[in-house]
Amino acid sequence: MTPWPATVPAPRPVAAVVLTAMDVEAQPFLDALPRTRAPRPAPASGTAESWSLRLPGPSRRELVLVRTGIGLVNAASALASVLAEVCPDVVLSAGTTGGLARGVAVGDVVASRTLAYADADATAFGYLRGQVPGMPATYQGDPATLAQVEAVAARALAGTGARLHTGQMLAGSSFVTADNVAGVREAFPEAVSTDMESTALAQVCASRGLPFVSVRGVSDLCGPQAGEDFHIGADVAAARSAAVVLALLDQEGI
């Protein structure tokens, strides 16, 4: 029998872990920041890939970028694997999302005050809609990080016509479309957007005591009104998300 190692290396401190689901969402970060290590699979996380990037500034702080794959399980497993190796000051989810609230337009950016699971329904057993049994009803976006997102958003989005919206973000295993959006809006009247990763990442961070915020660009509307533009390219929405995240991290205090 192979013995357990006597010691396990302590996770190295890094400025941030930024997670995206798809390559197109990771690309703006790879274009903006120099790499300090070759890309490699995230440990024990299947098809996920990670990069070590260097943030600007005299301290040359490290950002770990992770492309997790789409979905709740892919996101959570990739983050848990990476956290075995690094200890970030903050964890951020970036990329694209579907706009849910009326007043949210394609091209806008949303950031999480709270997060819940769109398709979790154990109400028959006394739980709230969106609550996994035995877990919190909602997860909180880190207030200090969110305040800094709000402070940099106007500068980051200057010239795009995009606005920042903060509120409840949902994530689930099912797409929200015009056919089922009415029920989601009824169940979550405060929700601004929905994706397939953010809440799972928030749950992992809550279990580790790590500050977390999701910052996503709206690439489509789940239930557009007549005459509304309801889709832009994922690359455009991802670039706006990345612009806000990079502006946030372009501060020595983050």
Protein backbone atom coordinates (compact mmCIF):
# COMPACT_ATOMS: atom_id res chain seq x y z
CA MET A 1 0.00 0.00 0.00
CA THR A 2 1.29 3.44 -0.92
CA PRO A 3 1.47 5.62 2.21
CA TRP A 4 -0.17 9.02 2.35
CA PRO A 5 2.33 11.86 1.93
CA ALA A 6 3.57 13.20 5.24
CA THR A 7 2.70 16.75 4.27
CA VAL A 8 0.42 18.38 1.70
CA PRO A 9 1.75 21.59 0.12
CA ALA A 10 -0.16 24.64 1.29
CA PRO A 11 -2.20 26.37 -1.45
CA ARG A 12 -0.25 29.33 -2.83
CA PRO A 13 -1.82 32.78 -2.41
CA VAL A 14 -3.13 34.45 -5.57
CA ALA A 15 -5.01 37.67 -6.22
CA ALA A 16 -8.05 36.04 -7.80
CA VAL A 17 -9.54 33.00 -9.46
CA VAL A 18 -11.72 33.90 -12.46
CA LEU A 19 -13.92 31.18 -13.91
CA THR A 20 -15.61 31.04 -17.30
CA ALA A 21 -17.61 28.23 -18.84
CA MET A 22 -16.51 28.53 -22.47
CA ASP A 23 -13.37 29.34 -24.44
CA VAL A 24 -14.98 32.46 -25.94
CA GLU A 25 -15.51 33.77 -22.41
CA ALA A 26 -11.92 33.09 -21.37
CA GLN A 27 -10.36 34.66 -24.46
CA PRO A 28 -10.61 38.35 -23.40
CA PHE A 29 -8.51 37.59 -20.32
CA LEU A 30 -5.94 35.66 -22.37
CA ASP A 31 -5.75 38.57 -24.81
CA ALA A 32 -5.34 41.18 -22.06
CA LEU A 33 -2.86 39.61 -19.65
CA PRO A 34 0.53 37.88 -20.04
CA ARG A 35 0.77 34.23 -19.15
CA THR A 36 3.24 33.10 -16.51
CA ARG A 37 2.64 29.37 -16.92
CA ALA A 38 1.58 27.15 -19.80
CA PRO A 39 -2.11 26.17 -19.88
CA ARG A 40 -2.86 22.86 -18.24
CA PRO A 41 -5.78 20.76 -17.11
CA ALA A 42 -7.25 21.83 -13.81
CA PRO A 43 -6.42 18.98 -11.40
CA ALA A 44 -9.03 16.24 -11.07
CA SER A 45 -11.63 18.24 -12.96
CA GLY A 46 -12.11 16.42 -16.25
CA THR A 47 -11.96 18.74 -19.24
CA ALA A 48 -11.37 22.03 -17.40
CA GLU A 49 -8.28 24.05 -18.28
CA SER A 50 -6.46 26.71 -16.28
CA TRP A 51 -3.94 29.47 -16.94
CA SER A 52 -1.77 31.55 -14.65
CA LEU A 53 -1.86 35.20 -15.74
CA ARG A 54 -0.03 38.24 -14.42
CA LEU A 55 -2.03 41.30 -13.41
CA PRO A 56 -0.61 44.77 -14.10
CA GLY A 57 1.10 46.71 -11.37
CA PRO A 58 4.37 46.59 -9.45
CA SER A 59 3.38 43.61 -7.33
CA ARG A 60 2.88 41.40 -10.42
CA ARG A 61 0.01 39.58 -8.73
CA GLU A 62 -1.26 36.29 -10.13
CA LEU A 63 -4.71 35.67 -11.58
CA VAL A 64 -5.73 32.06 -12.14
CA LEU A 65 -8.14 31.77 -15.07
CA VAL A 66 -10.21 28.59 -15.33
CA ARG A 67 -12.35 27.43 -18.24
CA THR A 68 -14.67 25.01 -16.49
CA GLY A 69 -17.04 23.72 -19.15
CA ILE A 70 -20.76 24.41 -19.12
CA GLY A 71 -22.99 23.44 -16.22
CA LEU A 72 -23.27 23.38 -12.45
CA VAL A 73 -21.22 20.22 -11.83
CA ASN A 74 -18.42 21.19 -14.22
CA ALA A 75 -18.16 24.61 -12.60
CA ALA A 76 -18.19 23.38 -9.00
CA SER A 77 -15.76 20.52 -9.57
CA ALA A 78 -13.29 22.71 -11.45
CA LEU A 79 -13.31 25.36 -8.73
CA ALA A 80 -12.93 22.80 -5.93
CA SER A 81 -9.97 21.28 -7.75
CA VAL A 82 -8.23 24.61 -8.27
CA LEU A 83 -8.76 25.60 -4.64
CA ALA A 84 -6.67 22.60 -3.61
CA GLU A 85 -3.69 24.42 -5.14
CA VAL A 86 -4.37 28.15 -4.69
CA CYS A 87 -5.86 30.45 -2.07
CA PRO A 88 -7.41 33.49 -3.78
CA ASP A 89 -8.33 36.83 -2.27
CA VAL A 90 -11.53 36.74 -4.34
CA VAL A 91 -13.35 34.40 -6.74
CA LEU A 92 -15.17 35.83 -9.75
CA SER A 93 -17.44 34.26 -12.34
CA ALA A 94 -17.23 35.91 -15.76
CA GLY A 95 -18.71 35.39 -19.20
CA THR A 96 -22.23 35.50 -20.59
CA THR A 97 -25.75 35.23 -19.21
CA GLY A 98 -29.38 35.47 -20.20
CA GLY A 99 -31.18 38.65 -19.17
CA LEU A 100 -34.27 37.98 -17.11
CA ALA A 101 -35.49 41.23 -15.58
CA ARG A 102 -37.38 43.75 -17.63
CA GLY A 103 -35.09 46.72 -18.13
CA VAL A 104 -32.02 44.53 -18.68
CA ALA A 105 -30.87 44.86 -22.30
CA VAL A 106 -28.55 42.76 -24.42
CA GLY A 107 -25.03 44.05 -24.00
CA ASP A 108 -25.58 45.15 -20.40
CA VAL A 109 -23.59 43.64 -17.52
CA VAL A 110 -25.10 42.08 -14.40
CA ALA A 111 -23.47 41.41 -11.02
CA SER A 112 -24.70 39.23 -8.18
CA ARG A 113 -26.08 40.57 -4.92
CA THR A 114 -27.62 37.16 -4.19
CA LEU A 115 -27.71 33.85 -6.05
CA ALA A 116 -30.19 30.95 -6.11
CA TYR A 117 -30.83 27.78 -8.10
CA ALA A 118 -33.42 28.38 -10.83
CA ASP A 119 -34.69 24.81 -10.98
CA ALA A 120 -34.38 23.70 -7.34
CA ASP A 121 -37.90 23.03 -6.04
CA ALA A 122 -38.34 21.27 -2.70
CA THR A 123 -41.28 23.44 -1.69
CA ALA A 124 -43.31 20.29 -0.97
CA PHE A 125 -41.02 19.76 2.03
CA GLY A 126 -41.16 23.33 3.31
CA TYR A 127 -38.11 24.74 1.55
CA LEU A 128 -38.09 27.92 -0.49
CA ARG A 129 -38.07 27.82 -4.26
CA GLY A 130 -34.45 27.88 -5.38
CA GLN A 131 -33.21 26.27 -2.16
CA VAL A 132 -31.44 22.91 -2.10
CA PRO A 133 -32.59 21.01 1.02
CA GLY A 134 -30.28 21.61 3.93
CA MET A 135 -28.51 24.50 2.20
CA PRO A 136 -29.09 28.26 2.37
CA ALA A 137 -32.03 29.70 0.48
CA THR A 138 -29.68 32.11 -1.28
CA TYR A 139 -25.96 32.77 -1.45
CA GLN A 140 -24.58 36.26 -1.03
CA GLY A 141 -22.35 38.16 -3.39
CA ASP A 142 -19.50 39.70 -1.41
CA PRO A 143 -20.65 43.24 -0.53
CA ALA A 144 -17.19 44.84 -0.61
CA THR A 145 -16.33 43.34 -3.99
CA LEU A 146 -19.73 44.26 -5.37
CA ALA A 147 -19.26 47.86 -4.26
CA GLN A 148 -15.96 47.95 -6.13
CA VAL A 149 -17.62 46.48 -9.23
CA GLU A 150 -20.16 49.30 -9.09
CA ALA A 151 -17.36 51.85 -8.70
CA VAL A 152 -15.44 50.73 -11.82
CA ALA A 153 -18.30 49.71 -14.13
CA ALA A 154 -18.96 53.09 -15.74
CA ARG A 155 -15.30 53.48 -16.69
CA ALA A 156 -15.00 49.89 -17.89
CA LEU A 157 -18.11 50.14 -20.08
CA ALA A 158 -17.52 53.67 -21.38
CA GLY A 159 -18.46 54.05 -25.03
CA THR A 160 -20.46 50.81 -25.21
CA GLY A 161 -23.86 52.14 -24.13
CA ALA A 162 -24.04 49.25 -21.65
CA ARG A 163 -25.28 49.60 -18.07
CA LEU A 164 -24.51 47.63 -14.94
CA HIS A 165 -27.39 45.93 -13.10
CA THR A 166 -27.00 44.34 -9.67
CA GLY A 167 -29.47 41.92 -8.13
CA GLN A 168 -30.31 38.26 -7.80
CA MET A 169 -28.69 35.93 -10.32
CA LEU A 170 -30.00 32.45 -10.97
CA ALA A 171 -28.27 29.33 -12.25
CA GLY A 172 -29.70 25.96 -13.18
CA SER A 173 -29.43 22.94 -15.42
CA SER A 174 -32.22 24.04 -17.77
CA PHE A 175 -32.26 26.90 -20.25
CA VAL A 176 -34.81 29.62 -19.56
CA THR A 177 -36.62 30.51 -22.79
CA ALA A 178 -39.63 32.54 -23.86
CA ASP A 179 -41.70 29.37 -23.32
CA ASN A 180 -40.93 29.00 -19.61
CA VAL A 181 -39.72 32.45 -18.53
CA ALA A 182 -43.08 33.48 -17.02
CA GLY A 183 -42.85 30.82 -14.32
CA VAL A 184 -39.26 31.74 -13.49
CA ARG A 185 -40.13 35.42 -13.21
CA GLU A 186 -43.08 34.58 -10.96
CA ALA A 187 -40.93 32.44 -8.68
CA PHE A 188 -37.99 34.88 -8.63
CA PRO A 189 -39.41 38.38 -9.15
CA GLU A 190 -36.13 40.06 -8.18
CA ALA A 191 -33.89 38.04 -10.50
CA VAL A 192 -31.95 39.92 -13.15
CA SER A 193 -30.36 37.02 -15.05
CA THR A 194 -29.86 33.30 -15.34
CA ASP A 195 -26.93 31.10 -16.36
CA MET A 196 -25.69 27.57 -15.74
CA GLU A 197 -22.76 28.01 -13.34
CA SER A 198 -22.84 31.02 -11.01
CA THR A 199 -24.81 29.63 -8.05
CA ALA A 200 -22.76 26.45 -7.91
CA LEU A 201 -19.60 28.55 -7.74
CA ALA A 202 -21.16 30.67 -5.01
CA GLN A 203 -21.97 27.53 -3.02
CA VAL A 204 -18.36 26.28 -3.22
CA CYS A 205 -17.09 29.70 -2.13
CA ALA A 206 -19.55 29.86 0.75
CA SER A 207 -18.30 26.49 2.00
CA ARG A 208 -14.71 27.83 1.97
CA GLY A 209 -15.45 31.30 3.33
CA LEU A 210 -14.21 32.97 0.13
CA PRO A 211 -15.63 36.23 -1.26
CA PHE A 212 -17.47 35.68 -4.54
CA VAL A 213 -19.25 37.79 -7.14
CA SER A 214 -20.53 36.82 -10.58
CA VAL A 215 -20.09 39.48 -13.28
CA ARG A 216 -21.70 38.49 -16.60
CA GLY A 217 -22.44 40.16 -19.92
CA VAL A 218 -25.99 39.75 -21.22
CA SER A 219 -25.83 37.94 -24.57
CA ASP A 220 -29.56 37.24 -24.92
CA LEU A 221 -32.93 37.87 -23.30
CA CYS A 222 -34.87 34.96 -21.88
CA GLY A 223 -38.23 36.56 -22.68
CA PRO A 224 -37.84 39.56 -24.99
CA GLN A 225 -40.65 42.04 -25.45
CA ALA A 226 -41.92 42.86 -28.94
CA GLY A 227 -39.41 44.96 -30.84
CA GLU A 228 -36.52 44.33 -28.44
CA ASP A 229 -33.10 43.24 -29.62
CA PHE A 230 -32.69 39.88 -27.96
CA HIS A 231 -29.26 38.58 -28.98
CA ILE A 232 -25.68 39.70 -29.47
CA GLY A 233 -22.54 37.67 -30.05
CA ALA A 234 -21.17 35.79 -27.06
CA ASP A 235 -17.79 37.37 -27.78
CA VAL A 236 -19.21 40.89 -27.35
CA ALA A 237 -21.01 40.05 -24.09
CA ALA A 238 -17.95 38.20 -22.75
CA ALA A 239 -15.69 41.15 -23.59
CA ARG A 240 -17.90 43.50 -21.54
CA SER A 241 -17.90 41.13 -18.59
CA ALA A 242 -14.12 40.85 -18.80
CA ALA A 243 -13.71 44.62 -19.05
CA VAL A 244 -15.50 45.10 -15.73
CA VAL A 245 -13.62 42.23 -14.04
CA LEU A 246 -10.24 43.50 -15.28
CA ALA A 247 -11.05 47.04 -14.13
CA LEU A 248 -11.93 45.61 -10.73
CA LEU A 249 -8.65 43.68 -10.50
CA ASP A 250 -6.57 46.61 -11.76
CA GLN A 251 -6.32 47.81 -8.19
CA GLU A 252 -3.62 46.83 -5.73
CA GLY A 253 -6.21 46.49 -2.97
CA ILE A 254 -8.12 43.66 -4.65
